[in-house]
Amino acid sequence: MKWGIVKMHRDEYSNGHLAVRDYYISVFGIPIYSARFTSTNNQAINQLTVLDRKQLQICGFTTK
């Protein structure tokens, strides 16, 4: 864990038909501010959608 005076953390995710961005600011590890911004922009929602793991194909090294 890195120690710092002020830290900011941001989470972005899709929740149903909303794109959500959460901000958290803390001083010496004590949370002092949090905010949530939402959007119904279809393009943002599509970018934040998690891909299905079944479609993910990992290609490794071969000896050919």
Protein backbone atom coordinates (compact mmCIF):
# COMPACT_ATOMS: atom_id res chain seq x y z
CA MET A 1 0.00 0.00 0.00
CA LYS A 2 1.35 3.41 -0.95
CA TRP A 3 0.99 6.13 1.62
CA GLY A 4 -0.07 9.58 0.52
CA ILE A 5 -1.85 12.58 1.89
CA VAL A 6 -4.64 12.85 -0.68
CA LYS A 7 -5.86 9.97 -2.86
CA MET A 8 -8.53 9.86 -5.54
CA HIS A 9 -10.11 6.67 -6.86
CA ARG A 10 -12.51 6.39 -9.81
CA ASP A 11 -14.74 3.44 -10.80
CA GLU A 12 -16.58 3.20 -14.12
CA TYR A 13 -19.16 0.53 -14.87
CA SER A 14 -22.53 -0.10 -16.50
CA ASN A 15 -25.56 -0.78 -14.36
CA GLY A 16 -28.55 -1.83 -16.45
CA HIS A 17 -29.35 1.06 -18.80
CA LEU A 18 -26.97 3.52 -17.07
CA ALA A 19 -23.26 4.26 -17.38
CA VAL A 20 -21.98 5.05 -13.87
CA ARG A 21 -18.80 6.83 -12.72
CA ASP A 22 -18.00 6.94 -8.98
CA TYR A 23 -15.35 9.20 -7.45
CA TYR A 24 -13.82 8.75 -3.99
CA ILE A 25 -11.38 11.20 -2.38
CA SER A 26 -9.63 10.47 0.91
CA VAL A 27 -7.12 12.29 3.10
CA PHE A 28 -4.79 10.08 5.16
CA GLY A 29 -7.07 7.13 4.36
CA ILE A 30 -10.19 8.87 5.71
CA PRO A 31 -12.88 9.31 3.04
CA ILE A 32 -13.94 12.96 2.77
CA TYR A 33 -15.82 13.09 -0.55
CA SER A 34 -17.70 10.75 -2.86
CA ALA A 35 -19.76 11.48 -5.95
CA ARG A 36 -21.70 9.45 -8.51
CA PHE A 37 -22.36 10.59 -12.06
CA THR A 38 -24.69 8.70 -14.40
CA SER A 39 -25.42 8.85 -18.10
CA THR A 40 -27.87 7.17 -20.45
CA ASN A 41 -25.58 7.58 -23.48
CA ASN A 42 -25.80 4.29 -25.43
CA GLN A 43 -22.24 4.58 -26.71
CA ALA A 44 -20.84 4.89 -23.17
CA ILE A 45 -22.95 1.98 -21.92
CA ASN A 46 -21.72 -0.26 -24.76
CA GLN A 47 -18.08 0.58 -24.02
CA LEU A 48 -18.46 -0.27 -20.34
CA THR A 49 -20.23 -3.59 -20.91
CA VAL A 50 -18.14 -6.55 -19.75
CA LEU A 51 -17.29 -9.03 -22.48
CA ASP A 52 -18.45 -12.61 -22.02
CA ARG A 53 -15.51 -14.82 -20.98
CA LYS A 54 -16.69 -17.58 -23.36
CA GLN A 55 -15.92 -15.32 -26.33
CA LEU A 56 -12.43 -14.47 -25.07
CA GLN A 57 -9.77 -16.50 -26.89
CA ILE A 58 -6.20 -16.50 -25.61
CA CYS A 59 -3.48 -17.36 -28.11
CA GLY A 60 -0.23 -18.67 -26.65
CA PHE A 61 3.23 -19.33 -27.98
CA THR A 62 3.80 -22.18 -30.44
CA THR A 63 6.90 -24.05 -31.52
CA LYS A 64 6.10 -23.66 -35.25
